[in-house]
Amino acid sequence: MTETIVTQTAPILADQAHHLIATAARAPSVHNTQPWRFRVSQAGIELYCDPRRKLRADPAGREMLISCGAALFGLRLAVRSLGYQPVVDLLPDPDRLRLLARVSLGPAMPMTVAEREMLRALPHRHTHRGAFGCGPLPAGLVAGLQHDALAEGARLAIVEPGLAYGRLSDIASAVGRRLQRNAQARADARQWTRNAASLARDGIPAYAFPATSHAAPPSPRGRLPERDFDLGRGLGLLDPQGPPPAVTAVLVTPGDSRDHWLRAGQGLHRLLLHAASRWVFASLHTELLEITVIRALIRDRLALPGAPQMLLQLGVADTTHPTGRRPPDELIEP
């Protein structure tokens, strides 16, 4: 008699599901909208997007899916923390557009040192809009971050100081003035910003953006213009003045479809956690990439090897103040 060996995935227990979702929900998301939902069974966890949390300025859902891709990487890391390899089925059902991935527990395998460092960095990883510290990034970190992006099917292209950065800065300055008048972007900013007294566990808190006037001062030297979340309301508490970031980079993917957006999000979260493990953080610039023709212009002017999905400026910092997250019970699909 011939013996047939069937490989089965491990079941997910109720207490494990809470940990898995809480870890996934620490992912970065545009405007901290947290546009994800989860459905749990013993066989695995399904990740869904939540279109109710999609920005008005994101009609195709590109930024929403990048955010959900980041949550998918967080879910994979959570599975590793249980001592299993994650088994991921990406976009498993073309007739169910909200269903983005199924993740189950595969073979047992201990975490690596790098995975443990990323998991330890998870609580203090944050989008950094304040001042950076002085000095360069730790030796070898940029190459490591580029490896992170490649491992997830993306590339991290470094924007070199001088001509390349000048081209990007010129585009950002010119387009920024136009975007300040964009009604959809302004409505998104108003909806997803919080005042100092807010107890909301989503959106951008007042301590994470600076106050602005209707005639906002220029960005500090070497720093790309930040999105105006304050809109002259005097809510912001952040002081952005200080040394410029050490490195400017663009996260790119070979294509520009839903699976590429999900892979961009996974690569983004992976490299941000790696950076945070060395106390390096990033300001994320999404506003320029919300306009299709500007994305094409940036790709052409910088000779990028793919579609730009995220602009990042990285620098060292010794303080952190992560934004809130909704609890797992609010994120589970019935």
Protein backbone atom coordinates (compact mmCIF):
# COMPACT_ATOMS: atom_id res chain seq x y z
CA MET A 1 0.00 0.00 0.00
CA THR A 2 1.34 3.40 -0.97
CA GLU A 3 1.23 5.97 1.80
CA THR A 4 0.05 9.45 0.87
CA ILE A 5 1.39 12.27 3.01
CA VAL A 6 -0.94 15.26 3.29
CA THR A 7 0.48 18.51 4.64
CA GLN A 8 -2.08 20.36 6.76
CA THR A 9 -1.99 23.87 8.15
CA ALA A 10 -2.31 24.39 11.91
CA PRO A 11 -5.64 25.66 13.25
CA ILE A 12 -5.94 29.22 14.57
CA LEU A 13 -7.21 29.45 18.14
CA ALA A 14 -9.39 32.29 19.43
CA ASP A 15 -6.68 33.88 21.61
CA GLN A 16 -4.21 33.63 18.74
CA ALA A 17 -6.61 35.45 16.42
CA HIS A 18 -6.75 38.46 18.75
CA HIS A 19 -2.95 38.67 18.79
CA LEU A 20 -2.69 38.24 15.01
CA ILE A 21 -5.19 41.01 14.25
CA ALA A 22 -3.80 43.40 16.87
CA THR A 23 -0.32 42.97 15.37
CA ALA A 24 -1.57 43.42 11.80
CA ALA A 25 -3.49 46.56 12.80
CA ARG A 26 -0.26 48.33 13.84
CA ALA A 27 0.49 48.81 10.13
CA PRO A 28 0.83 52.30 8.64
CA SER A 29 -2.11 53.59 6.62
CA VAL A 30 -2.83 56.75 4.68
CA HIS A 31 -4.18 59.39 7.12
CA ASN A 32 -4.25 56.55 9.70
CA THR A 33 -7.58 55.51 8.17
CA GLN A 34 -6.93 51.84 9.01
CA PRO A 35 -8.98 50.67 5.99
CA TRP A 36 -8.92 46.95 6.80
CA ARG A 37 -11.20 44.24 8.13
CA PHE A 38 -10.57 40.60 9.03
CA ARG A 39 -12.60 37.38 9.05
CA VAL A 40 -11.39 34.58 11.30
CA SER A 41 -11.84 30.83 11.06
CA GLN A 42 -9.83 27.88 12.29
CA ALA A 43 -8.44 27.51 8.78
CA GLY A 44 -6.99 31.03 8.67
CA ILE A 45 -7.65 34.77 8.56
CA GLU A 46 -9.02 36.65 5.59
CA LEU A 47 -8.00 40.27 4.98
CA TYR A 48 -10.57 42.65 3.46
CA CYS A 49 -10.37 46.29 2.49
CA ASP A 50 -12.95 48.68 3.97
CA PRO A 51 -14.02 51.10 1.19
CA ARG A 52 -15.91 53.21 3.72
CA ARG A 53 -12.47 54.40 4.86
CA LYS A 54 -11.13 55.17 1.39
CA LEU A 55 -10.05 58.75 0.76
CA ARG A 56 -11.98 60.94 -1.67
CA ALA A 57 -8.67 61.67 -3.38
CA ASP A 58 -8.08 57.92 -3.91
CA PRO A 59 -10.87 56.88 -6.30
CA ALA A 60 -9.03 53.79 -7.60
CA GLY A 61 -8.21 52.65 -4.08
CA ARG A 62 -4.45 52.56 -4.69
CA GLU A 63 -3.53 54.11 -1.34
CA MET A 64 -6.16 52.00 0.42
CA LEU A 65 -4.63 48.80 -0.96
CA ILE A 66 -1.08 49.92 -0.13
CA SER A 67 -2.32 50.40 3.44
CA CYS A 68 -3.94 46.96 3.42
CA GLY A 69 -0.75 45.46 2.01
CA ALA A 70 1.06 46.87 5.04
CA ALA A 71 -1.51 45.17 7.29
CA LEU A 72 -0.90 41.93 5.38
CA PHE A 73 2.80 42.09 6.17
CA GLY A 74 1.92 42.73 9.80
CA LEU A 75 -0.30 39.67 9.77
CA ARG A 76 2.50 37.59 8.27
CA LEU A 77 4.89 38.83 10.96
CA ALA A 78 2.33 37.95 13.63
CA VAL A 79 2.13 34.40 12.27
CA ARG A 80 5.92 34.19 12.47
CA SER A 81 5.72 35.27 16.13
CA LEU A 82 3.70 32.10 16.79
CA GLY A 83 6.49 30.01 15.31
CA TYR A 84 4.86 29.19 11.97
CA GLN A 85 5.47 30.08 8.35
CA PRO A 86 2.55 32.10 6.91
CA VAL A 87 0.80 30.66 3.86
CA VAL A 88 -0.62 33.54 1.81
CA ASP A 89 -3.15 33.36 -0.99
CA LEU A 90 -3.15 36.84 -2.55
CA LEU A 91 -6.34 38.10 -4.27
CA PRO A 92 -7.89 34.61 -4.06
CA ASP A 93 -11.29 35.41 -5.60
CA PRO A 94 -11.62 37.83 -8.55
CA ASP A 95 -15.36 38.06 -7.95
CA ARG A 96 -14.87 39.37 -4.40
CA LEU A 97 -12.88 42.57 -4.79
CA ARG A 98 -12.87 43.38 -1.07
CA LEU A 99 -11.14 40.07 -0.25
CA LEU A 100 -7.44 40.77 -0.56
CA ALA A 101 -5.73 37.74 0.98
CA ARG A 102 -6.14 34.55 2.98
CA VAL A 103 -3.43 33.76 5.51
CA SER A 104 -3.05 30.44 7.29
CA LEU A 105 -0.46 28.81 9.54
CA GLY A 106 1.99 26.70 7.59
CA PRO A 107 4.94 24.60 8.77
CA ALA A 108 6.50 25.31 12.16
CA MET A 109 9.67 27.38 12.00
CA PRO A 110 11.35 29.55 14.68
CA MET A 111 11.56 33.31 14.12
CA THR A 112 14.79 34.77 12.76
CA VAL A 113 16.77 37.45 14.57
CA ALA A 114 15.64 40.03 12.00
CA GLU A 115 11.98 39.10 12.51
CA ARG A 116 12.33 39.43 16.28
CA GLU A 117 13.85 42.88 15.85
CA MET A 118 10.98 43.97 13.60
CA LEU A 119 8.43 42.68 16.08
CA ARG A 120 10.12 44.61 18.90
CA ALA A 121 10.08 47.76 16.75
CA LEU A 122 6.35 47.46 16.02
CA PRO A 123 5.09 49.47 19.05
CA HIS A 124 7.30 52.51 18.35
CA ARG A 125 7.26 52.54 14.54
CA HIS A 126 5.45 55.71 13.39
CA THR A 127 5.17 58.12 10.49
CA HIS A 128 7.57 60.92 11.38
CA ARG A 129 6.46 64.48 10.56
CA GLY A 130 8.63 66.22 13.15
CA ALA A 131 12.30 67.15 13.23
CA PHE A 132 14.92 64.49 12.56
CA GLY A 133 18.14 64.09 14.51
CA CYS A 134 21.53 64.99 13.10
CA GLY A 135 23.79 62.57 11.35
CA PRO A 136 23.62 59.85 8.69
CA LEU A 137 21.70 56.60 8.82
CA PRO A 138 23.45 53.60 10.44
CA ALA A 139 26.02 51.95 8.18
CA GLY A 140 24.53 49.35 5.87
CA LEU A 141 20.92 50.22 6.67
CA VAL A 142 20.01 51.64 3.25
CA ALA A 143 21.19 48.47 1.52
CA GLY A 144 19.18 46.43 4.03
CA LEU A 145 16.05 48.47 3.32
CA GLN A 146 16.53 47.97 -0.40
CA HIS A 147 16.76 44.22 0.22
CA ASP A 148 13.49 44.41 2.20
CA ALA A 149 11.73 46.03 -0.74
CA LEU A 150 13.12 43.47 -3.20
CA ALA A 151 12.00 40.59 -0.97
CA GLU A 152 8.41 41.83 -1.33
CA GLY A 153 8.47 42.38 -5.10
CA ALA A 154 9.25 46.12 -5.03
CA ARG A 155 12.34 48.32 -5.26
CA LEU A 156 13.56 51.20 -3.12
CA ALA A 157 15.17 53.78 -5.40
CA ILE A 158 17.40 56.31 -3.64
CA VAL A 159 17.01 59.91 -4.81
CA GLU A 160 20.55 61.22 -4.84
CA PRO A 161 21.27 64.75 -3.58
CA GLY A 162 21.82 67.28 -6.33
CA LEU A 163 20.13 67.03 -9.70
CA ALA A 164 17.72 64.17 -8.94
CA TYR A 165 16.54 65.64 -5.64
CA GLY A 166 16.28 69.08 -7.24
CA ARG A 167 13.95 67.69 -9.92
CA LEU A 168 11.75 66.01 -7.31
CA SER A 169 11.70 69.11 -5.11
CA ASP A 170 10.73 71.33 -8.04
CA ILE A 171 7.81 69.04 -8.89
CA ALA A 172 6.72 68.89 -5.25
CA SER A 173 6.82 72.68 -4.85
CA ALA A 174 4.92 73.37 -8.06
CA VAL A 175 2.28 70.71 -7.54
CA GLY A 176 1.93 71.44 -3.84
CA ARG A 177 0.43 74.85 -4.50
CA ARG A 178 -2.19 73.25 -6.75
CA LEU A 179 -2.97 70.51 -4.26
CA GLN A 180 -3.54 73.00 -1.45
CA ARG A 181 -6.63 74.12 -3.37
CA ASN A 182 -7.92 70.58 -4.05
CA ALA A 183 -11.36 70.32 -2.45
CA GLN A 184 -11.28 66.53 -2.12
CA ALA A 185 -7.86 66.50 -0.45
CA ARG A 186 -8.90 69.26 1.94
CA ALA A 187 -12.08 67.38 2.85
CA ASP A 188 -10.02 64.23 3.53
CA ALA A 189 -7.67 66.18 5.78
CA ARG A 190 -10.56 67.68 7.74
CA GLN A 191 -12.24 64.29 8.17
CA TRP A 192 -9.14 62.45 9.38
CA THR A 193 -7.45 64.99 11.66
CA ARG A 194 -8.15 65.13 15.40
CA ASN A 195 -7.89 67.94 17.93
CA ALA A 196 -5.92 67.65 21.15
CA ALA A 197 -8.95 66.55 23.19
CA SER A 198 -10.01 63.75 20.83
CA LEU A 199 -10.11 60.18 22.10
CA ALA A 200 -10.41 58.71 18.60
CA ARG A 201 -8.24 55.69 17.85
CA ASP A 202 -7.94 56.46 14.16
CA GLY A 203 -7.00 59.53 12.13
CA ILE A 204 -4.05 61.85 12.76
CA PRO A 205 -3.82 63.32 16.27
CA ALA A 206 -2.91 66.97 16.85
CA TYR A 207 0.53 66.06 18.20
CA ALA A 208 1.44 64.50 14.83
CA PHE A 209 1.06 67.57 12.57
CA PRO A 210 2.06 71.23 12.83
CA ALA A 211 -0.28 74.21 12.93
CA THR A 212 -0.32 76.26 9.74
CA SER A 213 -1.61 79.62 8.63
CA HIS A 214 -3.22 80.32 5.28
CA ALA A 215 0.23 81.50 4.19
CA ALA A 216 2.24 78.54 5.45
CA PRO A 217 6.05 78.95 5.64
CA PRO A 218 8.22 77.03 3.18
CA SER A 219 9.40 73.55 4.11
CA PRO A 220 12.76 73.28 5.91
CA ARG A 221 15.80 72.84 3.66
CA GLY A 222 16.09 69.35 2.23
CA ARG A 223 12.58 68.38 3.22
CA LEU A 224 9.76 67.76 0.77
CA PRO A 225 6.59 69.78 1.44
CA GLU A 226 4.32 68.11 3.99
CA ARG A 227 0.59 67.81 3.43
CA ASP A 228 -1.29 70.59 5.24
CA PHE A 229 -3.44 68.74 7.77
CA ASP A 230 -4.08 71.82 9.90
CA LEU A 231 -5.71 73.93 7.16
CA GLY A 232 -5.25 77.08 9.20
CA ARG A 233 -7.35 75.80 12.11
CA GLY A 234 -4.57 76.04 14.69
CA LEU A 235 -5.02 72.42 15.82
CA GLY A 236 -1.53 71.11 15.24
CA LEU A 237 0.96 70.80 18.09
CA LEU A 238 4.03 69.49 16.24
CA ASP A 239 7.19 71.54 15.71
CA PRO A 240 8.65 70.39 12.38
CA GLN A 241 11.77 72.57 12.48
CA GLY A 242 15.13 70.84 12.74
CA PRO A 243 17.78 69.02 10.72
CA PRO A 244 16.71 67.66 7.33
CA PRO A 245 16.23 63.93 6.68
CA ALA A 246 19.27 61.89 5.76
CA VAL A 247 17.87 60.00 2.76
CA THR A 248 15.09 60.52 0.22
CA ALA A 249 13.76 57.45 -1.58
CA VAL A 250 10.93 56.24 -3.80
CA LEU A 251 9.27 52.84 -3.40
CA VAL A 252 8.46 51.50 -6.86
CA THR A 253 6.82 48.38 -8.29
CA PRO A 254 7.28 46.82 -11.74
CA GLY A 255 3.57 47.25 -12.52
CA ASP A 256 0.67 49.32 -11.27
CA SER A 257 -2.21 46.94 -10.55
CA ARG A 258 -3.95 45.75 -7.39
CA ASP A 259 -1.41 43.04 -6.64
CA HIS A 260 1.43 45.53 -7.10
CA TRP A 261 -0.22 47.94 -4.64
CA LEU A 262 -0.52 45.13 -2.09
CA ARG A 263 3.11 44.17 -2.61
CA ALA A 264 4.15 47.82 -2.24
CA GLY A 265 2.38 47.94 1.11
CA GLN A 266 4.09 44.77 2.31
CA GLY A 267 7.48 46.10 1.25
CA LEU A 268 6.78 49.46 2.86
CA HIS A 269 5.88 48.00 6.25
CA ARG A 270 8.80 45.58 6.17
CA LEU A 271 11.39 48.27 5.50
CA LEU A 272 9.80 50.73 7.96
CA LEU A 273 9.99 48.14 10.75
CA HIS A 274 13.60 47.32 9.85
CA ALA A 275 14.40 51.05 9.97
CA ALA A 276 12.54 51.54 13.26
CA SER A 277 14.56 48.72 14.81
CA ARG A 278 17.56 51.04 14.32
CA TRP A 279 15.62 54.14 15.48
CA VAL A 280 15.28 55.45 11.95
CA PHE A 281 11.85 56.71 10.89
CA ALA A 282 10.26 58.01 7.72
CA SER A 283 8.03 60.84 6.67
CA LEU A 284 5.70 59.44 4.00
CA HIS A 285 4.63 61.70 1.16
CA THR A 286 1.47 60.47 -0.54
CA GLU A 287 -0.03 63.70 -1.82
CA LEU A 288 2.06 64.03 -4.99
CA LEU A 289 1.29 60.47 -6.04
CA GLU A 290 -2.49 60.90 -5.89
CA ILE A 291 -2.42 62.50 -9.36
CA THR A 292 -1.77 60.05 -12.19
CA VAL A 293 0.04 62.50 -14.48
CA ILE A 294 2.32 63.63 -11.64
CA ARG A 295 3.18 60.01 -10.85
CA ALA A 296 4.17 59.57 -14.50
CA LEU A 297 6.16 62.80 -14.43
CA ILE A 298 8.09 61.73 -11.33
CA ARG A 299 8.81 58.35 -12.89
CA ASP A 300 10.14 59.97 -16.05
CA ARG A 301 12.11 62.82 -14.47
CA LEU A 302 13.82 60.51 -11.96
CA ALA A 303 14.23 57.62 -14.45
CA LEU A 304 12.63 55.25 -11.96
CA PRO A 305 12.64 51.48 -12.63
CA GLY A 306 8.89 51.14 -12.10
CA ALA A 307 5.69 52.81 -10.95
CA PRO A 308 6.22 55.12 -7.94
CA GLN A 309 4.02 54.07 -5.02
CA MET A 310 5.47 56.02 -2.06
CA LEU A 311 7.89 58.87 -1.45
CA LEU A 312 9.90 58.52 1.77
CA GLN A 313 12.33 60.72 3.65
CA LEU A 314 14.29 58.87 6.32
CA GLY A 315 16.20 60.12 9.32
CA VAL A 316 17.24 59.22 12.85
CA ALA A 317 15.11 60.18 15.85
CA ASP A 318 15.31 59.35 19.54
CA THR A 319 11.69 60.02 20.49
CA THR A 320 8.49 58.41 19.34
CA HIS A 321 4.76 58.94 19.77
CA PRO A 322 2.80 56.32 17.78
CA THR A 323 -0.76 57.05 16.72
CA GLY A 324 -3.72 55.10 18.09
CA ARG A 325 -5.20 51.93 16.65
CA ARG A 326 -8.68 50.45 16.81
CA PRO A 327 -9.00 47.27 18.89
CA PRO A 328 -9.31 43.89 17.12
CA ASP A 329 -12.99 43.47 18.07
CA GLU A 330 -13.83 46.48 15.86
CA LEU A 331 -11.99 45.00 12.89
CA ILE A 332 -13.58 41.56 12.63
CA GLU A 333 -16.08 40.87 9.87
CA PRO A 334 -19.26 39.08 11.00
